[in-house]
Amino acid sequence: MKILVTGGAGFIGSHLAERLAMLGHTVCVLDALTDTYCTELKTLNVRQLQQRGIALLRLDLASDALGDATHDVEFVFHLAAQPGISATLPFDAYARNNILATQRLLDALRHSNTLRGFINVSTSSVYGCDASGDEHTAPAPASDYGASKLAAEELVLARARDEGLPACSLRLFSVYGPRERPEKLYARLIGSLLEDREFPLFEGSARHQRSYTYVSDIIDGMILAMDNIGRCKGEIFNIGAEASITTAQAIQVAESLAGKRARIVEQPKRSGDQMSTRANIDKARRVLGYAPRVSLRDGLTRQIAWYRGHILGKMNLWQHG
């Protein structure tokens, strides 16, 4: 199939694009290549994708013409988004890059004669401070990011209800692994441990519960949704690891693997952060046969090895703070 992956130069998108190419699909990656974090990391991702014969379209979903990018596409994975929780980022950025961008992509596909499926990639942040229920739990986002991702999800599902768009939405839980954004917990922690830097930790976050999910387990869920799109139309699925541990416990695992203690420096509490996430994947297991397989220890071992091989001594991921 000809598959379009938006946000495909990013962390999860690049892993997805590679997996799809390995499965024999023709993959096209669409990405604006913004400088919201280390551009060298995105360049590394793009280079590795191009080595696998994956084409890159440098386009902005919120402003550029999308007709050529969506022409003859059979499947779309929509990952492009304004990520993260930031007190300094204006709401306009979330509205533009999450809501408007999604609406324009849907419009570009509205009259497609080839589209067989559209998978929207959402987040557990739509549930709010406590993300431990199933897909019938009422969303209660506590951040601009969560609110805008919920709005984007509803745009997709509205098209499914009103126009029969063969679409579903996947709510991902605490993804980690190689290529993770530099400001995320494990990317920052591993860099701190291996480069002997201070590790900034938001006040209270050591007690937060998280369903840390290795990226390959997330990709497995995405592929299962694509392969079962007929059963997924108009549906929402939680995708993540069922096990949930505190951030403090997670830090201890990374410390044991690195053989040293983190130099933790507490930062002011972050507004809109989730207190607890625990992926209820009963529906994904029942409908898709989804079953995460990678333990936290194995996943972190892989991420540390990747950091040593591709980042340590070669790239400064800390240049954006």
Foldseek 3Di string as FASTA:
>chain_A
DEEEEEVLLADLNLVLQVVCVVVPYQYEYEYQCDVPFDSVLSVVSVVVSVVSVYHYDNDQLLDDDCQVVQALHAEYEYDWADDDFDPPDDLVRRCRGQPNSLLSVCVSCVPHPRYDEYEYEAALQQQFQASADFPPRHGDHFGSNSVSRVNSQVVVLVCCVPVVHLYAYEHEWAEDFARHQCVDQLNQLLCCLVVVHAREDEPPQQQAKGQYFYSVLVSVLVVLCVVQSVLGRSYYFYGTHQDIDGNNVLSVLLCVLSVHHHNYDYDYHGGRHHRYHGTDGPVCCVRRVRDGDDDSNRRSNRRSVSCVVPPVPPHDRPPSD
